[in-house]
Amino acid sequence: MGLKEKRILWKQYSKMADLPIIARRKFFNNCFDGALTSAGIVSGFFVLFLINPTFITTSIILITGFATALAIGVSGLWGAFLSEDAERKKKFKI
């Protein structure tokens, strides 16, 4: 199966599953979660900076930021999958 056929199938599956609506809803929910998490990280680093300014380095901040972004991404995708799977099962059960 070529790339063109796969793209056509993906569009058909996307339309059947209302994927754009689901993706948009989950994207904005996860953006809000990410904003709150980022605010918590910045607040925590600020408190650490007030306690000991030499402890905080750029690499610590960047590594923490990337690790947090990865964790939020995995959590958001997994949560979206589980909730949408449950909704679909409920829809077809009734």
PDB file of N, CA and C in Angstrom:
ATOM      1  N   MET A   1       0.853  -1.170   0.000  1.00  0.00           N
ATOM      2  CA  MET A   1       0.000   0.000   0.000  1.00  0.00           C
ATOM      3  C   MET A   1       0.900   1.234   0.000  1.00  0.00           C
ATOM      4  N   GLY A   2       0.630   2.124  -0.915  1.00  0.00           N
ATOM      5  CA  GLY A   2       1.447   3.319  -1.039  1.00  0.00           C
ATOM      6  C   GLY A   2       1.032   4.413  -0.070  1.00  0.00           C
ATOM      7  N   LEU A   3       1.811   5.473  -0.079  1.00  0.00           N
ATOM      8  CA  LEU A   3       1.565   6.596   0.809  1.00  0.00           C
ATOM      9  C   LEU A   3       0.229   7.276   0.497  1.00  0.00           C
ATOM     10  N   LYS A   4      -0.102   7.382  -0.781  1.00  0.00           N
ATOM     11  CA  LYS A   4      -1.356   8.026  -1.167  1.00  0.00           C
ATOM     12  C   LYS A   4      -2.564   7.243  -0.655  1.00  0.00           C
ATOM     13  N   GLU A   5      -2.510   5.922  -0.778  1.00  0.00           N
ATOM     14  CA  GLU A   5      -3.618   5.092  -0.288  1.00  0.00           C
ATOM     15  C   GLU A   5      -3.756   5.175   1.227  1.00  0.00           C
ATOM     16  N   LYS A   6      -2.613   5.202   1.913  1.00  0.00           N
ATOM     17  CA  LYS A   6      -2.654   5.326   3.371  1.00  0.00           C
ATOM     18  C   LYS A   6      -3.264   6.657   3.792  1.00  0.00           C
ATOM     19  N   ARG A   7      -2.928   7.721   3.071  1.00  0.00           N
ATOM     20  CA  ARG A   7      -3.479   9.041   3.382  1.00  0.00           C
ATOM     21  C   ARG A   7      -4.992   9.058   3.172  1.00  0.00           C
ATOM     22  N   ILE A   8      -5.454   8.425   2.119  1.00  0.00           N
ATOM     23  CA  ILE A   8      -6.894   8.360   1.852  1.00  0.00           C
ATOM     24  C   ILE A   8      -7.608   7.571   2.953  1.00  0.00           C
ATOM     25  N   LEU A   9      -7.022   6.437   3.353  1.00  0.00           N
ATOM     26  CA  LEU A   9      -7.615   5.644   4.444  1.00  0.00           C
ATOM     27  C   LEU A   9      -7.641   6.442   5.741  1.00  0.00           C
ATOM     28  N   TRP A  10      -6.550   7.154   6.037  1.00  0.00           N
ATOM     29  CA  TRP A  10      -6.481   7.949   7.264  1.00  0.00           C
ATOM     30  C   TRP A  10      -7.588   9.004   7.265  1.00  0.00           C
ATOM     31  N   LYS A  11      -7.821   9.647   6.133  1.00  0.00           N
ATOM     32  CA  LYS A  11      -8.888  10.649   6.047  1.00  0.00           C
ATOM     33  C   LYS A  11     -10.258  10.013   6.271  1.00  0.00           C
ATOM     34  N   GLN A  12     -10.465   8.826   5.714  1.00  0.00           N
ATOM     35  CA  GLN A  12     -11.745   8.137   5.903  1.00  0.00           C
ATOM     36  C   GLN A  12     -11.939   7.758   7.367  1.00  0.00           C
ATOM     37  N   TYR A  13     -10.916   7.196   7.993  1.00  0.00           N
ATOM     38  CA  TYR A  13     -11.013   6.822   9.410  1.00  0.00           C
ATOM     39  C   TYR A  13     -11.219   8.055  10.287  1.00  0.00           C
ATOM     40  N   SER A  14     -10.529   9.122   9.948  1.00  0.00           N
ATOM     41  CA  SER A  14     -10.654  10.358  10.704  1.00  0.00           C
ATOM     42  C   SER A  14     -12.078  10.892  10.641  1.00  0.00           C
ATOM     43  N   LYS A  15     -12.665  10.864   9.451  1.00  0.00           N
ATOM     44  CA  LYS A  15     -14.025  11.353   9.295  1.00  0.00           C
ATOM     45  C   LYS A  15     -15.018  10.457  10.035  1.00  0.00           C
ATOM     46  N   MET A  16     -14.820   9.141   9.964  1.00  0.00           N
ATOM     47  CA  MET A  16     -15.718   8.198  10.633  1.00  0.00           C
ATOM     48  C   MET A  16     -15.677   8.357  12.146  1.00  0.00           C
ATOM     49  N   ALA A  17     -14.522   8.674  12.690  1.00  0.00           N
ATOM     50  CA  ALA A  17     -14.353   8.739  14.140  1.00  0.00           C
ATOM     51  C   ALA A  17     -14.507  10.148  14.703  1.00  0.00           C
ATOM     52  N   ASP A  18     -14.848  11.119  13.858  1.00  0.00           N
ATOM     53  CA  ASP A  18     -14.913  12.525  14.301  1.00  0.00           C
ATOM     54  C   ASP A  18     -13.606  12.959  14.948  1.00  0.00           C
ATOM     55  N   LEU A  19     -12.495  12.545  14.386  1.00  0.00           N
ATOM     56  CA  LEU A  19     -11.190  12.808  14.969  1.00  0.00           C
ATOM     57  C   LEU A  19     -10.861  14.285  15.128  1.00  0.00           C
ATOM     58  N   PRO A  20     -11.185  15.163  14.161  1.00  0.00           N
ATOM     59  CA  PRO A  20     -10.830  16.577  14.367  1.00  0.00           C
ATOM     60  C   PRO A  20     -11.464  17.185  15.612  1.00  0.00           C
ATOM     61  N   ILE A  21     -12.693  16.830  15.897  1.00  0.00           N
ATOM     62  CA  ILE A  21     -13.374  17.364  17.085  1.00  0.00           C
ATOM     63  C   ILE A  21     -12.710  16.843  18.348  1.00  0.00           C
ATOM     64  N   ILE A  22     -12.444  15.552  18.387  1.00  0.00           N
ATOM     65  CA  ILE A  22     -11.812  14.940  19.552  1.00  0.00           C
ATOM     66  C   ILE A  22     -10.410  15.503  19.754  1.00  0.00           C
ATOM     67  N   ALA A  23      -9.641  15.580  18.671  1.00  0.00           N
ATOM     68  CA  ALA A  23      -8.258  16.066  18.765  1.00  0.00           C
ATOM     69  C   ALA A  23      -8.217  17.506  19.254  1.00  0.00           C
ATOM     70  N   ARG A  24      -9.109  18.341  18.741  1.00  0.00           N
ATOM     71  CA  ARG A  24      -9.134  19.738  19.160  1.00  0.00           C
ATOM     72  C   ARG A  24      -9.475  19.854  20.644  1.00  0.00           C
ATOM     73  N   ARG A  25     -10.471  19.105  21.100  1.00  0.00           N
ATOM     74  CA  ARG A  25     -10.879  19.154  22.507  1.00  0.00           C
ATOM     75  C   ARG A  25      -9.736  18.699  23.423  1.00  0.00           C
ATOM     76  N   LYS A  26      -9.099  17.593  23.068  1.00  0.00           N
ATOM     77  CA  LYS A  26      -8.012  17.069  23.900  1.00  0.00           C
ATOM     78  C   LYS A  26      -6.801  17.978  23.863  1.00  0.00           C
ATOM     79  N   PHE A  27      -6.516  18.579  22.703  1.00  0.00           N
ATOM     80  CA  PHE A  27      -5.370  19.479  22.584  1.00  0.00           C
ATOM     81  C   PHE A  27      -5.496  20.659  23.540  1.00  0.00           C
ATOM     82  N   PHE A  28      -6.665  21.295  23.582  1.00  0.00           N
ATOM     83  CA  PHE A  28      -6.831  22.455  24.446  1.00  0.00           C
ATOM     84  C   PHE A  28      -6.882  22.071  25.921  1.00  0.00           C
ATOM     85  N   ASN A  29      -7.430  20.912  26.236  1.00  0.00           N
ATOM     86  CA  ASN A  29      -7.390  20.449  27.627  1.00  0.00           C
ATOM     87  C   ASN A  29      -5.944  20.241  28.077  1.00  0.00           C
ATOM     88  N   ASN A  30      -5.135  19.625  27.224  1.00  0.00           N
ATOM     89  CA  ASN A  30      -3.748  19.368  27.581  1.00  0.00           C
ATOM     90  C   ASN A  30      -2.916  20.649  27.608  1.00  0.00           C
ATOM     91  N   CYS A  31      -3.265  21.631  26.787  1.00  0.00           N
ATOM     92  CA  CYS A  31      -2.572  22.926  26.850  1.00  0.00           C
ATOM     93  C   CYS A  31      -2.793  23.582  28.206  1.00  0.00           C
ATOM     94  N   PHE A  32      -4.015  23.518  28.693  1.00  0.00           N
ATOM     95  CA  PHE A  32      -4.305  24.097  30.005  1.00  0.00           C
ATOM     96  C   PHE A  32      -3.536  23.363  31.101  1.00  0.00           C
ATOM     97  N   ASP A  33      -3.505  22.034  31.038  1.00  0.00           N
ATOM     98  CA  ASP A  33      -2.726  21.256  32.008  1.00  0.00           C
ATOM     99  C   ASP A  33      -1.254  21.634  31.946  1.00  0.00           C
ATOM    100  N   GLY A  34      -0.740  21.797  30.738  1.00  0.00           N
ATOM    101  CA  GLY A  34       0.664  22.173  30.560  1.00  0.00           C
ATOM    102  C   GLY A  34       0.964  23.549  31.117  1.00  0.00           C
ATOM    103  N   ALA A  35       0.048  24.490  30.920  1.00  0.00           N
ATOM    104  CA  ALA A  35       0.252  25.847  31.447  1.00  0.00           C
ATOM    105  C   ALA A  35       0.292  25.837  32.977  1.00  0.00           C
ATOM    106  N   LEU A  36      -0.604  25.079  33.598  1.00  0.00           N
ATOM    107  CA  LEU A  36      -0.597  24.996  35.063  1.00  0.00           C
ATOM    108  C   LEU A  36       0.673  24.307  35.578  1.00  0.00           C
ATOM    109  N   THR A  37       1.095  23.258  34.900  1.00  0.00           N
ATOM    110  CA  THR A  37       2.310  22.560  35.301  1.00  0.00           C
ATOM    111  C   THR A  37       3.521  23.469  35.152  1.00  0.00           C
ATOM    112  N   SER A  38       3.583  24.204  34.058  1.00  0.00           N
ATOM    113  CA  SER A  38       4.697  25.133  33.843  1.00  0.00           C
ATOM    114  C   SER A  38       4.735  26.203  34.925  1.00  0.00           C
ATOM    115  N   ALA A  39       3.562  26.709  35.298  1.00  0.00           N
ATOM    116  CA  ALA A  39       3.507  27.701  36.375  1.00  0.00           C
ATOM    117  C   ALA A  39       4.010  27.106  37.684  1.00  0.00           C
ATOM    118  N   GLY A  40       3.679  25.856  37.936  1.00  0.00           N
ATOM    119  CA  GLY A  40       4.175  25.198  39.155  1.00  0.00           C
ATOM    120  C   GLY A  40       5.683  25.009  39.137  1.00  0.00           C
ATOM    121  N   ILE A  41       6.224  24.642  37.986  1.00  0.00           N
ATOM    122  CA  ILE A  41       7.677  24.458  37.878  1.00  0.00           C
ATOM    123  C   ILE A  41       8.409  25.776  38.079  1.00  0.00           C
ATOM    124  N   VAL A  42       7.911  26.834  37.437  1.00  0.00           N
ATOM    125  CA  VAL A  42       8.545  28.147  37.575  1.00  0.00           C
ATOM    126  C   VAL A  42       8.479  28.608  39.027  1.00  0.00           C
ATOM    127  N   SER A  43       7.336  28.400  39.675  1.00  0.00           N
ATOM    128  CA  SER A  43       7.213  28.788  41.089  1.00  0.00           C
ATOM    129  C   SER A  43       8.185  28.007  41.964  1.00  0.00           C
ATOM    130  N   GLY A  44       8.300  26.713  41.699  1.00  0.00           N
ATOM    131  CA  GLY A  44       9.228  25.892  42.480  1.00  0.00           C
ATOM    132  C   GLY A  44      10.672  26.318  42.296  1.00  0.00           C
ATOM    133  N   PHE A  45      11.069  26.597  41.056  1.00  0.00           N
ATOM    134  CA  PHE A  45      12.430  27.062  40.814  1.00  0.00           C
ATOM    135  C   PHE A  45      12.681  28.435  41.435  1.00  0.00           C
ATOM    136  N   PHE A  46      11.650  29.273  41.466  1.00  0.00           N
ATOM    137  CA  PHE A  46      11.797  30.587  42.099  1.00  0.00           C
ATOM    138  C   PHE A  46      12.068  30.445  43.594  1.00  0.00           C
ATOM    139  N   VAL A  47      11.333  29.547  44.241  1.00  0.00           N
ATOM    140  CA  VAL A  47      11.557  29.308  45.668  1.00  0.00           C
ATOM    141  C   VAL A  47      12.957  28.748  45.900  1.00  0.00           C
ATOM    142  N   LEU A  48      13.380  27.785  45.061  1.00  0.00           N
ATOM    143  CA  LEU A  48      14.740  27.252  45.184  1.00  0.00           C
ATOM    144  C   LEU A  48      15.786  28.334  44.962  1.00  0.00           C
ATOM    145  N   PHE A  49      15.526  29.235  44.024  1.00  0.00           N
ATOM    146  CA  PHE A  49      16.458  30.328  43.756  1.00  0.00           C
ATOM    147  C   PHE A  49      16.564  31.257  44.957  1.00  0.00           C
ATOM    148  N   LEU A  50      15.451  31.498  45.626  1.00  0.00           N
ATOM    149  CA  LEU A  50      15.488  32.351  46.811  1.00  0.00           C
ATOM    150  C   LEU A  50      16.279  31.699  47.936  1.00  0.00           C
ATOM    151  N   ILE A  51      16.207  30.374  48.046  1.00  0.00           N
ATOM    152  CA  ILE A  51      16.928  29.660  49.091  1.00  0.00           C
ATOM    153  C   ILE A  51      18.422  29.604  48.796  1.00  0.00           C
ATOM    154  N   ASN A  52      18.779  29.215  47.555  1.00  0.00           N
ATOM    155  CA  ASN A  52      20.189  29.081  47.183  1.00  0.00           C
ATOM    156  C   ASN A  52      20.358  29.404  45.700  1.00  0.00           C
ATOM    157  N   PRO A  53      20.739  30.639  45.366  1.00  0.00           N
ATOM    158  CA  PRO A  53      20.814  31.048  43.957  1.00  0.00           C
ATOM    159  C   PRO A  53      21.837  30.273  43.119  1.00  0.00           C
ATOM    160  N   THR A  54      22.849  29.701  43.728  1.00  0.00           N
ATOM    161  CA  THR A  54      23.878  28.994  42.948  1.00  0.00           C
ATOM    162  C   THR A  54      23.451  27.575  42.586  1.00  0.00           C
ATOM    163  N   PHE A  55      22.401  27.077  43.186  1.00  0.00           N
ATOM    164  CA  PHE A  55      21.956  25.706  42.931  1.00  0.00           C
ATOM    165  C   PHE A  55      21.297  25.568  41.557  1.00  0.00           C
ATOM    166  N   ILE A  56      20.596  26.609  41.123  1.00  0.00           N
ATOM    167  CA  ILE A  56      19.837  26.553  39.876  1.00  0.00           C
ATOM    168  C   ILE A  56      20.757  26.830  38.685  1.00  0.00           C
ATOM    169  N   THR A  57      20.779  25.897  37.710  1.00  0.00           N
ATOM    170  CA  THR A  57      21.534  26.100  36.476  1.00  0.00           C
ATOM    171  C   THR A  57      20.580  25.980  35.289  1.00  0.00           C
ATOM    172  N   THR A  58      21.032  26.456  34.160  1.00  0.00           N
ATOM    173  CA  THR A  58      20.210  26.405  32.953  1.00  0.00           C
ATOM    174  C   THR A  58      19.909  24.967  32.551  1.00  0.00           C
ATOM    175  N   SER A  59      20.887  24.083  32.680  1.00  0.00           N
ATOM    176  CA  SER A  59      20.665  22.695  32.267  1.00  0.00           C
ATOM    177  C   SER A  59      19.604  22.012  33.131  1.00  0.00           C
ATOM    178  N   ILE A  60      19.576  22.301  34.410  1.00  0.00           N
ATOM    179  CA  ILE A  60      18.551  21.723  35.286  1.00  0.00           C
ATOM    180  C   ILE A  60      17.164  22.186  34.855  1.00  0.00           C
ATOM    181  N   ILE A  61      17.040  23.448  34.533  1.00  0.00           N
ATOM    182  CA  ILE A  61      15.744  23.992  34.118  1.00  0.00           C
ATOM    183  C   ILE A  61      15.307  23.371  32.793  1.00  0.00           C
ATOM    184  N   LEU A  62      16.223  23.271  31.824  1.00  0.00           N
ATOM    185  CA  LEU A  62      15.871  22.705  30.522  1.00  0.00           C
ATOM    186  C   LEU A  62      15.506  21.228  30.609  1.00  0.00           C
ATOM    187  N   ILE A  63      16.287  20.466  31.359  1.00  0.00           N
ATOM    188  CA  ILE A  63      15.996  19.031  31.503  1.00  0.00           C
ATOM    189  C   ILE A  63      14.646  18.833  32.187  1.00  0.00           C
ATOM    190  N   THR A  64      14.374  19.601  33.215  1.00  0.00           N
ATOM    191  CA  THR A  64      13.095  19.506  33.905  1.00  0.00           C
ATOM    192  C   THR A  64      11.947  19.880  32.971  1.00  0.00           C
ATOM    193  N   GLY A  65      12.131  20.911  32.174  1.00  0.00           N
ATOM    194  CA  GLY A  65      11.093  21.333  31.231  1.00  0.00           C
ATOM    195  C   GLY A  65      10.803  20.272  30.185  1.00  0.00           C
ATOM    196  N   PHE A  66      11.859  19.688  29.593  1.00  0.00           N
ATOM    197  CA  PHE A  66      11.644  18.648  28.582  1.00  0.00           C
ATOM    198  C   PHE A  66      11.020  17.392  29.176  1.00  0.00           C
ATOM    199  N   ALA A  67      11.461  17.011  30.358  1.00  0.00           N
ATOM    200  CA  ALA A  67      10.895  15.828  31.010  1.00  0.00           C
ATOM    201  C   ALA A  67       9.422  16.047  31.340  1.00  0.00           C
ATOM    202  N   THR A  68       9.094  17.233  31.787  1.00  0.00           N
ATOM    203  CA  THR A  68       7.704  17.551  32.107  1.00  0.00           C
ATOM    204  C   THR A  68       6.840  17.559  30.853  1.00  0.00           C
ATOM    205  N   ALA A  69       7.360  18.139  29.771  1.00  0.00           N
ATOM    206  CA  ALA A  69       6.611  18.159  28.513  1.00  0.00           C
ATOM    207  C   ALA A  69       6.348  16.741  28.010  1.00  0.00           C
ATOM    208  N   LEU A  70       7.340  15.889  28.111  1.00  0.00           N
ATOM    209  CA  LEU A  70       7.172  14.492  27.696  1.00  0.00           C
ATOM    210  C   LEU A  70       6.118  13.794  28.558  1.00  0.00           C
ATOM    211  N   ALA A  71       6.192  14.002  29.858  1.00  0.00           N
ATOM    212  CA  ALA A  71       5.241  13.366  30.766  1.00  0.00           C
ATOM    213  C   ALA A  71       3.815  13.849  30.507  1.00  0.00           C
ATOM    214  N   ILE A  72       3.635  15.141  30.290  1.00  0.00           N
ATOM    215  CA  ILE A  72       2.301  15.673  30.016  1.00  0.00           C
ATOM    216  C   ILE A  72       1.784  15.140  28.685  1.00  0.00           C
ATOM    217  N   GLY A  73       2.660  15.045  27.691  1.00  0.00           N
ATOM    218  CA  GLY A  73       2.256  14.520  26.394  1.00  0.00           C
ATOM    219  C   GLY A  73       1.786  13.082  26.469  1.00  0.00           C
ATOM    220  N   VAL A  74       2.555  12.248  27.150  1.00  0.00           N
ATOM    221  CA  VAL A  74       2.173  10.839  27.297  1.00  0.00           C
ATOM    222  C   VAL A  74       0.876  10.725  28.099  1.00  0.00           C
ATOM    223  N   SER A  75       0.778  11.489  29.170  1.00  0.00           N
ATOM    224  CA  SER A  75      -0.422  11.460  29.996  1.00  0.00           C
ATOM    225  C   SER A  75      -1.645  11.910  29.203  1.00  0.00           C
ATOM    226  N   GLY A  76      -1.496  12.955  28.425  1.00  0.00           N
ATOM    227  CA  GLY A  76      -2.616  13.460  27.636  1.00  0.00           C
ATOM    228  C   GLY A  76      -3.065  12.478  26.567  1.00  0.00           C
ATOM    229  N   LEU A  77      -2.104  11.900  25.868  1.00  0.00           N
ATOM    230  CA  LEU A  77      -2.460  10.934  24.830  1.00  0.00           C
ATOM    231  C   LEU A  77      -3.123   9.696  25.420  1.00  0.00           C
ATOM    232  N   TRP A  78      -2.560   9.188  26.495  1.00  0.00           N
ATOM    233  CA  TRP A  78      -3.115   7.991  27.130  1.00  0.00           C
ATOM    234  C   TRP A  78      -4.502   8.275  27.703  1.00  0.00           C
ATOM    235  N   GLY A  79      -4.658   9.430  28.354  1.00  0.00           N
ATOM    236  CA  GLY A  79      -5.964   9.800  28.902  1.00  0.00           C
ATOM    237  C   GLY A  79      -7.011   9.983  27.814  1.00  0.00           C
ATOM    238  N   ALA A  80      -6.617  10.606  26.707  1.00  0.00           N
ATOM    239  CA  ALA A  80      -7.543  10.788  25.587  1.00  0.00           C
ATOM    240  C   ALA A  80      -7.955   9.442  25.015  1.00  0.00           C
ATOM    241  N   PHE A  81      -6.993   8.549  24.861  1.00  0.00           N
ATOM    242  CA  PHE A  81      -7.299   7.228  24.324  1.00  0.00           C
ATOM    243  C   PHE A  81      -8.272   6.481  25.220  1.00  0.00           C
ATOM    244  N   LEU A  82      -7.998   6.465  26.518  1.00  0.00           N
ATOM    245  CA  LEU A  82      -8.867   5.730  27.445  1.00  0.00           C
ATOM    246  C   LEU A  82     -10.270   6.324  27.507  1.00  0.00           C
ATOM    247  N   SER A  83     -10.370   7.641  27.580  1.00  0.00           N
ATOM    248  CA  SER A  83     -11.695   8.249  27.700  1.00  0.00           C
ATOM    249  C   SER A  83     -12.506   8.094  26.411  1.00  0.00           C
ATOM    250  N   GLU A  84     -11.883   8.261  25.264  1.00  0.00           N
ATOM    251  CA  GLU A  84     -12.616   8.111  24.009  1.00  0.00           C
ATOM    252  C   GLU A  84     -12.991   6.649  23.758  1.00  0.00           C
ATOM    253  N   ASP A  85     -12.121   5.732  24.146  1.00  0.00           N
ATOM    254  CA  ASP A  85     -12.433   4.309  24.009  1.00  0.00           C
ATOM    255  C   ASP A  85     -13.646   3.946  24.866  1.00  0.00           C
ATOM    256  N   ALA A  86     -13.683   4.460  26.089  1.00  0.00           N
ATOM    257  CA  ALA A  86     -14.816   4.189  26.972  1.00  0.00           C
ATOM    258  C   ALA A  86     -16.108   4.806  26.420  1.00  0.00           C
ATOM    259  N   GLU A  87     -16.008   6.018  25.875  1.00  0.00           N
ATOM    260  CA  GLU A  87     -17.193   6.666  25.303  1.00  0.00           C
ATOM    261  C   GLU A  87     -17.727   5.886  24.105  1.00  0.00           C
ATOM    262  N   ARG A  88     -16.832   5.374  23.272  1.00  0.00           N
ATOM    263  CA  ARG A  88     -17.271   4.625  22.096  1.00  0.00           C
ATOM    264  C   ARG A  88     -17.920   3.301  22.515  1.00  0.00           C
ATOM    265  N   LYS A  89     -17.333   2.644  23.502  1.00  0.00           N
ATOM    266  CA  LYS A  89     -17.927   1.394  23.980  1.00  0.00           C
ATOM    267  C   LYS A  89     -19.311   1.638  24.562  1.00  0.00           C
ATOM    268  N   LYS A  90     -19.447   2.736  25.302  1.00  0.00           N
ATOM    269  CA  LYS A  90     -20.737   3.080  25.881  1.00  0.00           C
ATOM    270  C   LYS A  90     -21.744   3.391  24.779  1.00  0.00           C
ATOM    271  N   LYS A  91     -21.310   4.111  23.758  1.00  0.00           N
ATOM    272  CA  LYS A  91     -22.191   4.488  22.648  1.00  0.00           C
ATOM    273  C   LYS A  91     -22.726   3.279  21.903  1.00  0.00           C
ATOM    274  N   PHE A  92     -21.860   2.297  21.666  1.00  0.00           N
ATOM    275  CA  PHE A  92     -22.284   1.128  20.920  1.00  0.00           C
ATOM    276  C   PHE A  92     -23.012   0.108  21.787  1.00  0.00           C
ATOM    277  N   LYS A  93     -22.886   0.219  23.106  1.00  0.00           N
ATOM    278  CA  LYS A  93     -23.542  -0.711  24.016  1.00  0.00           C
ATOM    279  C   LYS A  93     -25.031  -0.388  24.141  1.00  0.00           C
ATOM    280  N   ILE A  94     -25.355   0.875  24.053  1.00  0.00           N
ATOM    281  CA  ILE A  94     -26.753   1.318  24.248  1.00  0.00           C
ATOM    282  C   ILE A  94     -27.581   1.052  23.019  1.00  0.00           C
TER     283      ILE A  94
END
